[in-house]
Amino acid sequence: MPYVNIQVTKESGTHNVGPTDEQKRLLIAGVTELLQNVLNKDPKTTHVVISEVALANWGVGGVPVIDYRAQNKESI
């Protein structure tokens, strides 16, 4: 019984509110299909959860992601 948790920031999507319902449907279907094709997992028992995280609650390299991006503009 595979369990996949996809975490995204709310900055993506229309008006920075996160992925649309259609984008979530595509992610769920795509991940489920990938697990079926690569690991022969039954789609009926595959669980996919999408968690949306406020950008202020996401960190990279020990700093908030906003600061990280500002420090690493040329590498993003």
PDB file of N, CA and C in Angstrom:
ATOM      1  N   MET A   1       0.847  -1.173   0.000  1.00  0.00           N
ATOM      2  CA  MET A   1       0.000   0.000   0.000  1.00  0.00           C
ATOM      3  C   MET A   1       0.897   1.242   0.000  1.00  0.00           C
ATOM      4  N   PRO A   2       1.243   1.768  -1.161  1.00  0.00           N
ATOM      5  CA  PRO A   2       2.089   2.959  -1.216  1.00  0.00           C
ATOM      6  C   PRO A   2       1.365   4.193  -0.677  1.00  0.00           C
ATOM      7  N   TYR A   3       2.138   5.023  -0.003  1.00  0.00           N
ATOM      8  CA  TYR A   3       1.646   6.309   0.481  1.00  0.00           C
ATOM      9  C   TYR A   3       2.634   7.363   0.001  1.00  0.00           C
ATOM     10  N   VAL A   4       2.150   8.357  -0.731  1.00  0.00           N
ATOM     11  CA  VAL A   4       2.999   9.418  -1.261  1.00  0.00           C
ATOM     12  C   VAL A   4       2.474  10.752  -0.742  1.00  0.00           C
ATOM     13  N   ASN A   5       3.360  11.557  -0.182  1.00  0.00           N
ATOM     14  CA  ASN A   5       2.980  12.892   0.266  1.00  0.00           C
ATOM     15  C   ASN A   5       3.714  13.904  -0.590  1.00  0.00           C
ATOM     16  N   ILE A   6       2.967  14.714  -1.320  1.00  0.00           N
ATOM     17  CA  ILE A   6       3.528  15.775  -2.150  1.00  0.00           C
ATOM     18  C   ILE A   6       3.318  17.081  -1.406  1.00  0.00           C
ATOM     19  N   GLN A   7       4.401  17.786  -1.124  1.00  0.00           N
ATOM     20  CA  GLN A   7       4.291  19.063  -0.437  1.00  0.00           C
ATOM     21  C   GLN A   7       4.666  20.178  -1.402  1.00  0.00           C
ATOM     22  N   VAL A   8       3.781  21.155  -1.508  1.00  0.00           N
ATOM     23  CA  VAL A   8       4.004  22.309  -2.378  1.00  0.00           C
ATOM     24  C   VAL A   8       3.727  23.582  -1.596  1.00  0.00           C
ATOM     25  N   THR A   9       4.358  24.665  -2.024  1.00  0.00           N
ATOM     26  CA  THR A   9       4.053  25.941  -1.394  1.00  0.00           C
ATOM     27  C   THR A   9       2.797  26.527  -2.018  1.00  0.00           C
ATOM     28  N   LYS A  10       2.136  27.353  -1.257  1.00  0.00           N
ATOM     29  CA  LYS A  10       0.902  27.979  -1.729  1.00  0.00           C
ATOM     30  C   LYS A  10       1.160  29.073  -2.750  1.00  0.00           C
ATOM     31  N   GLU A  11       2.425  29.352  -3.039  1.00  0.00           N
ATOM     32  CA  GLU A  11       2.744  30.418  -3.985  1.00  0.00           C
ATOM     33  C   GLU A  11       2.438  30.049  -5.423  1.00  0.00           C
ATOM     34  N   SER A  12       2.323  28.769  -5.699  1.00  0.00           N
ATOM     35  CA  SER A  12       2.083  28.363  -7.077  1.00  0.00           C
ATOM     36  C   SER A  12       0.607  28.490  -7.419  1.00  0.00           C
ATOM     37  N   GLY A  13       0.297  28.411  -8.689  1.00  0.00           N
ATOM     38  CA  GLY A  13      -1.092  28.481  -9.107  1.00  0.00           C
ATOM     39  C   GLY A  13      -1.595  29.895  -9.266  1.00  0.00           C
ATOM     40  N   THR A  14      -2.865  29.997  -9.594  1.00  0.00           N
ATOM     41  CA  THR A  14      -3.500  31.285  -9.823  1.00  0.00           C
ATOM     42  C   THR A  14      -3.567  32.093  -8.534  1.00  0.00           C
ATOM     43  N   HIS A  15      -3.157  33.327  -8.587  1.00  0.00           N
ATOM     44  CA  HIS A  15      -3.219  34.258  -7.450  1.00  0.00           C
ATOM     45  C   HIS A  15      -2.455  33.753  -6.224  1.00  0.00           C
ATOM     46  N   ASN A  16      -1.422  32.957  -6.447  1.00  0.00           N
ATOM     47  CA  ASN A  16      -0.573  32.449  -5.357  1.00  0.00           C
ATOM     48  C   ASN A  16      -1.357  31.725  -4.278  1.00  0.00           C
ATOM     49  N   VAL A  17      -2.340  30.952  -4.666  1.00  0.00           N
ATOM     50  CA  VAL A  17      -3.125  30.203  -3.687  1.00  0.00           C
ATOM     51  C   VAL A  17      -2.837  28.710  -3.757  1.00  0.00           C
ATOM     52  N   GLY A  18      -1.863  28.317  -4.524  1.00  0.00           N
ATOM     53  CA  GLY A  18      -1.516  26.911  -4.641  1.00  0.00           C
ATOM     54  C   GLY A  18      -2.065  26.303  -5.911  1.00  0.00           C
ATOM     55  N   PRO A  19      -1.793  25.024  -6.099  1.00  0.00           N
ATOM     56  CA  PRO A  19      -2.239  24.357  -7.315  1.00  0.00           C
ATOM     57  C   PRO A  19      -3.760  24.314  -7.409  1.00  0.00           C
ATOM     58  N   THR A  20      -4.255  24.326  -8.625  1.00  0.00           N
ATOM     59  CA  THR A  20      -5.702  24.226  -8.844  1.00  0.00           C
ATOM     60  C   THR A  20      -6.157  22.795  -8.580  1.00  0.00           C
ATOM     61  N   ASP A  21      -7.454  22.605  -8.480  1.00  0.00           N
ATOM     62  CA  ASP A  21      -7.994  21.251  -8.308  1.00  0.00           C
ATOM     63  C   ASP A  21      -7.603  20.363  -9.493  1.00  0.00           C
ATOM     64  N   GLU A  22      -7.603  20.924 -10.692  1.00  0.00           N
ATOM     65  CA  GLU A  22      -7.224  20.147 -11.868  1.00  0.00           C
ATOM     66  C   GLU A  22      -5.752  19.732 -11.799  1.00  0.00           C
ATOM     67  N   GLN A  23      -4.879  20.633 -11.373  1.00  0.00           N
ATOM     68  CA  GLN A  23      -3.464  20.291 -11.232  1.00  0.00           C
ATOM     69  C   GLN A  23      -3.281  19.187 -10.191  1.00  0.00           C
ATOM     70  N   LYS A  24      -4.049  19.249  -9.116  1.00  0.00           N
ATOM     71  CA  LYS A  24      -3.974  18.200  -8.093  1.00  0.00           C
ATOM     72  C   LYS A  24      -4.447  16.862  -8.655  1.00  0.00           C
ATOM     73  N   ARG A  25      -5.514  16.889  -9.432  1.00  0.00           N
ATOM     74  CA  ARG A  25      -5.990  15.650 -10.066  1.00  0.00           C
ATOM     75  C   ARG A  25      -4.898  15.032 -10.940  1.00  0.00           C
ATOM     76  N   LEU A  26      -4.215  15.887 -11.709  1.00  0.00           N
ATOM     77  CA  LEU A  26      -3.148  15.406 -12.588  1.00  0.00           C
ATOM     78  C   LEU A  26      -1.973  14.837 -11.792  1.00  0.00           C
ATOM     79  N   LEU A  27      -1.612  15.487 -10.695  1.00  0.00           N
ATOM     80  CA  LEU A  27      -0.535  14.978  -9.844  1.00  0.00           C
ATOM     81  C   LEU A  27      -0.894  13.617  -9.261  1.00  0.00           C
ATOM     82  N   ILE A  28      -2.102  13.499  -8.732  1.00  0.00           N
ATOM     83  CA  ILE A  28      -2.549  12.240  -8.128  1.00  0.00           C
ATOM     84  C   ILE A  28      -2.563  11.130  -9.164  1.00  0.00           C
ATOM     85  N   ALA A  29      -3.128  11.402 -10.327  1.00  0.00           N
ATOM     86  CA  ALA A  29      -3.192  10.392 -11.387  1.00  0.00           C
ATOM     87  C   ALA A  29      -1.790  10.020 -11.872  1.00  0.00           C
ATOM     88  N   GLY A  30      -0.931  11.011 -12.046  1.00  0.00           N
ATOM     89  CA  GLY A  30       0.415  10.766 -12.556  1.00  0.00           C
ATOM     90  C   GLY A  30       1.273   9.948 -11.601  1.00  0.00           C
ATOM     91  N   VAL A  31       1.227  10.289 -10.329  1.00  0.00           N
ATOM     92  CA  VAL A  31       2.010   9.549  -9.337  1.00  0.00           C
ATOM     93  C   VAL A  31       1.495   8.120  -9.207  1.00  0.00           C
ATOM     94  N   THR A  32       0.179   7.967  -9.224  1.00  0.00           N
ATOM     95  CA  THR A  32      -0.413   6.633  -9.134  1.00  0.00           C
ATOM     96  C   THR A  32       0.006   5.778 -10.326  1.00  0.00           C
ATOM     97  N   GLU A  33      -0.041   6.358 -11.520  1.00  0.00           N
ATOM     98  CA  GLU A  33       0.364   5.632 -12.727  1.00  0.00           C
ATOM     99  C   GLU A  33       1.850   5.277 -12.687  1.00  0.00           C
ATOM    100  N   LEU A  34       2.667   6.204 -12.214  1.00  0.00           N
ATOM    101  CA  LEU A  34       4.106   5.950 -12.123  1.00  0.00           C
ATOM    102  C   LEU A  34       4.396   4.770 -11.201  1.00  0.00           C
ATOM    103  N   LEU A  35       3.743   4.741 -10.048  1.00  0.00           N
ATOM    104  CA  LEU A  35       3.952   3.630  -9.122  1.00  0.00           C
ATOM    105  C   LEU A  35       3.475   2.301  -9.709  1.00  0.00           C
ATOM    106  N   GLN A  36       2.415   2.358 -10.484  1.00  0.00           N
ATOM    107  CA  GLN A  36       1.928   1.149 -11.130  1.00  0.00           C
ATOM    108  C   GLN A  36       2.927   0.665 -12.186  1.00  0.00           C
ATOM    109  N   ASN A  37       3.416   1.589 -13.012  1.00  0.00           N
ATOM    110  CA  ASN A  37       4.325   1.229 -14.100  1.00  0.00           C
ATOM    111  C   ASN A  37       5.714   0.812 -13.625  1.00  0.00           C
ATOM    112  N   VAL A  38       6.239   1.489 -12.612  1.00  0.00           N
ATOM    113  CA  VAL A  38       7.609   1.233 -12.178  1.00  0.00           C
ATOM    114  C   VAL A  38       7.686   0.119 -11.129  1.00  0.00           C
ATOM    115  N   LEU A  39       6.741   0.125 -10.168  1.00  0.00           N
ATOM    116  CA  LEU A  39       6.819  -0.831  -9.061  1.00  0.00           C
ATOM    117  C   LEU A  39       5.688  -1.863  -9.066  1.00  0.00           C
ATOM    118  N   ASN A  40       4.847  -1.815 -10.107  1.00  0.00           N
ATOM    119  CA  ASN A  40       3.718  -2.731 -10.215  1.00  0.00           C
ATOM    120  C   ASN A  40       2.776  -2.651  -9.011  1.00  0.00           C
ATOM    121  N   LYS A  41       2.562  -1.438  -8.495  1.00  0.00           N
ATOM    122  CA  LYS A  41       1.669  -1.227  -7.352  1.00  0.00           C
ATOM    123  C   LYS A  41       0.233  -1.067  -7.835  1.00  0.00           C
ATOM    124  N   ASP A  42      -0.683  -1.615  -7.091  1.00  0.00           N
ATOM    125  CA  ASP A  42      -2.106  -1.562  -7.421  1.00  0.00           C
ATOM    126  C   ASP A  42      -2.638  -0.148  -7.188  1.00  0.00           C
ATOM    127  N   PRO A  43      -3.164   0.515  -8.202  1.00  0.00           N
ATOM    128  CA  PRO A  43      -3.714   1.864  -8.032  1.00  0.00           C
ATOM    129  C   PRO A  43      -4.822   1.931  -6.974  1.00  0.00           C
ATOM    130  N   LYS A  44      -5.534   0.826  -6.783  1.00  0.00           N
ATOM    131  CA  LYS A  44      -6.633   0.817  -5.804  1.00  0.00           C
ATOM    132  C   LYS A  44      -6.147   0.952  -4.373  1.00  0.00           C
ATOM    133  N   THR A  45      -4.878   0.659  -4.141  1.00  0.00           N
ATOM    134  CA  THR A  45      -4.345   0.770  -2.782  1.00  0.00           C
ATOM    135  C   THR A  45      -3.278   1.852  -2.654  1.00  0.00           C
ATOM    136  N   THR A  46      -3.114   2.667  -3.676  1.00  0.00           N
ATOM    137  CA  THR A  46      -2.124   3.751  -3.656  1.00  0.00           C
ATOM    138  C   THR A  46      -2.765   5.026  -3.112  1.00  0.00           C
ATOM    139  N   HIS A  47      -2.142   5.592  -2.095  1.00  0.00           N
ATOM    140  CA  HIS A  47      -2.639   6.809  -1.455  1.00  0.00           C
ATOM    141  C   HIS A  47      -1.708   7.971  -1.803  1.00  0.00           C
ATOM    142  N   VAL A  48      -2.281   9.070  -2.260  1.00  0.00           N
ATOM    143  CA  VAL A  48      -1.513  10.276  -2.575  1.00  0.00           C
ATOM    144  C   VAL A  48      -2.145  11.434  -1.815  1.00  0.00           C
ATOM    145  N   VAL A  49      -1.325  12.139  -1.047  1.00  0.00           N
ATOM    146  CA  VAL A  49      -1.786  13.288  -0.268  1.00  0.00           C
ATOM    147  C   VAL A  49      -0.992  14.506  -0.713  1.00  0.00           C
ATOM    148  N   ILE A  50      -1.696  15.590  -0.987  1.00  0.00           N
ATOM    149  CA  ILE A  50      -1.036  16.842  -1.367  1.00  0.00           C
ATOM    150  C   ILE A  50      -1.196  17.821  -0.213  1.00  0.00           C
ATOM    151  N   SER A  51      -0.074  18.250   0.337  1.00  0.00           N
ATOM    152  CA  SER A  51      -0.071  19.214   1.442  1.00  0.00           C
ATOM    153  C   SER A  51       0.402  20.557   0.916  1.00  0.00           C
ATOM    154  N   GLU A  52      -0.374  21.584   1.206  1.00  0.00           N
ATOM    155  CA  GLU A  52       0.001  22.940   0.787  1.00  0.00           C
ATOM    156  C   GLU A  52       0.561  23.691   1.994  1.00  0.00           C
ATOM    157  N   VAL A  53       1.758  24.227   1.818  1.00  0.00           N
ATOM    158  CA  VAL A  53       2.477  24.871   2.905  1.00  0.00           C
ATOM    159  C   VAL A  53       2.645  26.353   2.587  1.00  0.00           C
ATOM    160  N   ALA A  54       2.362  27.189   3.560  1.00  0.00           N
ATOM    161  CA  ALA A  54       2.596  28.622   3.385  1.00  0.00           C
ATOM    162  C   ALA A  54       4.083  28.849   3.124  1.00  0.00           C
ATOM    163  N   LEU A  55       4.402  29.746   2.212  1.00  0.00           N
ATOM    164  CA  LEU A  55       5.791  29.996   1.843  1.00  0.00           C
ATOM    165  C   LEU A  55       6.635  30.365   3.060  1.00  0.00           C
ATOM    166  N   ALA A  56       6.057  31.087   4.007  1.00  0.00           N
ATOM    167  CA  ALA A  56       6.791  31.481   5.214  1.00  0.00           C
ATOM    168  C   ALA A  56       7.165  30.287   6.083  1.00  0.00           C
ATOM    169  N   ASN A  57       6.523  29.151   5.862  1.00  0.00           N
ATOM    170  CA  ASN A  57       6.787  27.952   6.657  1.00  0.00           C
ATOM    171  C   ASN A  57       7.730  26.970   5.960  1.00  0.00           C
ATOM    172  N   TRP A  58       8.388  27.401   4.893  1.00  0.00           N
ATOM    173  CA  TRP A  58       9.277  26.527   4.118  1.00  0.00           C
ATOM    174  C   TRP A  58      10.693  27.069   4.218  1.00  0.00           C
ATOM    175  N   GLY A  59      11.634  26.223   4.545  1.00  0.00           N
ATOM    176  CA  GLY A  59      13.024  26.650   4.648  1.00  0.00           C
ATOM    177  C   GLY A  59      13.939  25.811   3.787  1.00  0.00           C
ATOM    178  N   VAL A  60      15.043  26.410   3.361  1.00  0.00           N
ATOM    179  CA  VAL A  60      16.067  25.721   2.576  1.00  0.00           C
ATOM    180  C   VAL A  60      17.427  26.179   3.085  1.00  0.00           C
ATOM    181  N   GLY A  61      18.314  25.263   3.323  1.00  0.00           N
ATOM    182  CA  GLY A  61      19.670  25.627   3.732  1.00  0.00           C
ATOM    183  C   GLY A  61      19.731  26.385   5.042  1.00  0.00           C
ATOM    184  N   GLY A  62      18.767  26.155   5.916  1.00  0.00           N
ATOM    185  CA  GLY A  62      18.783  26.786   7.231  1.00  0.00           C
ATOM    186  C   GLY A  62      18.171  28.172   7.290  1.00  0.00           C
ATOM    187  N   VAL A  63      17.573  28.618   6.201  1.00  0.00           N
ATOM    188  CA  VAL A  63      16.933  29.936   6.187  1.00  0.00           C
ATOM    189  C   VAL A  63      15.564  29.836   5.512  1.00  0.00           C
ATOM    190  N   PRO A  64      14.678  30.793   5.779  1.00  0.00           N
ATOM    191  CA  PRO A  64      13.394  30.792   5.060  1.00  0.00           C
ATOM    192  C   PRO A  64      13.639  30.824   3.559  1.00  0.00           C
ATOM    193  N   VAL A  65      12.789  30.162   2.798  1.00  0.00           N
ATOM    194  CA  VAL A  65      12.999  30.021   1.352  1.00  0.00           C
ATOM    195  C   VAL A  65      13.066  31.386   0.654  1.00  0.00           C
ATOM    196  N   ILE A  66      12.342  32.367   1.140  1.00  0.00           N
ATOM    197  CA  ILE A  66      12.400  33.706   0.534  1.00  0.00           C
ATOM    198  C   ILE A  66      13.813  34.267   0.641  1.00  0.00           C
ATOM    199  N   ASP A  67      14.444  34.118   1.813  1.00  0.00           N
ATOM    200  CA  ASP A  67      15.821  34.581   1.996  1.00  0.00           C
ATOM    201  C   ASP A  67      16.791  33.753   1.150  1.00  0.00           C
ATOM    202  N   TYR A  68      16.566  32.443   1.110  1.00  0.00           N
ATOM    203  CA  TYR A  68      17.420  31.559   0.318  1.00  0.00           C
ATOM    204  C   TYR A  68      17.407  31.977  -1.145  1.00  0.00           C
ATOM    205  N   ARG A  69      16.216  32.236  -1.656  1.00  0.00           N
ATOM    206  CA  ARG A  69      16.106  32.652  -3.064  1.00  0.00           C
ATOM    207  C   ARG A  69      16.815  33.982  -3.303  1.00  0.00           C
ATOM    208  N   ALA A  70      16.681  34.897  -2.386  1.00  0.00           N
ATOM    209  CA  ALA A  70      17.335  36.199  -2.539  1.00  0.00           C
ATOM    210  C   ALA A  70      18.858  36.033  -2.561  1.00  0.00           C
ATOM    211  N   GLN A  71      19.369  35.122  -1.755  1.00  0.00           N
ATOM    212  CA  GLN A  71      20.816  34.888  -1.675  1.00  0.00           C
ATOM    213  C   GLN A  71      21.341  34.104  -2.878  1.00  0.00           C
ATOM    214  N   ASN A  72      20.474  33.365  -3.549  1.00  0.00           N
ATOM    215  CA  ASN A  72      20.898  32.455  -4.598  1.00  0.00           C
ATOM    216  C   ASN A  72      20.200  32.732  -5.927  1.00  0.00           C
ATOM    217  N   LYS A  73      19.902  33.972  -6.211  1.00  0.00           N
ATOM    218  CA  LYS A  73      19.166  34.320  -7.429  1.00  0.00           C
ATOM    219  C   LYS A  73      19.786  33.736  -8.689  1.00  0.00           C
ATOM    220  N   GLU A  74      21.092  33.780  -8.776  1.00  0.00           N
ATOM    221  CA  GLU A  74      21.743  33.329  -9.994  1.00  0.00           C
ATOM    222  C   GLU A  74      21.703  31.810 -10.156  1.00  0.00           C
ATOM    223  N   SER A  75      21.465  31.072  -9.091  1.00  0.00           N
ATOM    224  CA  SER A  75      21.467  29.613  -9.198  1.00  0.00           C
ATOM    225  C   SER A  75      20.053  29.037  -9.285  1.00  0.00           C
ATOM    226  N   ILE A  76      19.051  29.848  -9.245  1.00  0.00           N
ATOM    227  CA  ILE A  76      17.664  29.350  -9.302  1.00  0.00           C
ATOM    228  C   ILE A  76      17.095  29.499 -10.690  1.00  0.00           C
TER     229      ILE A  76
END
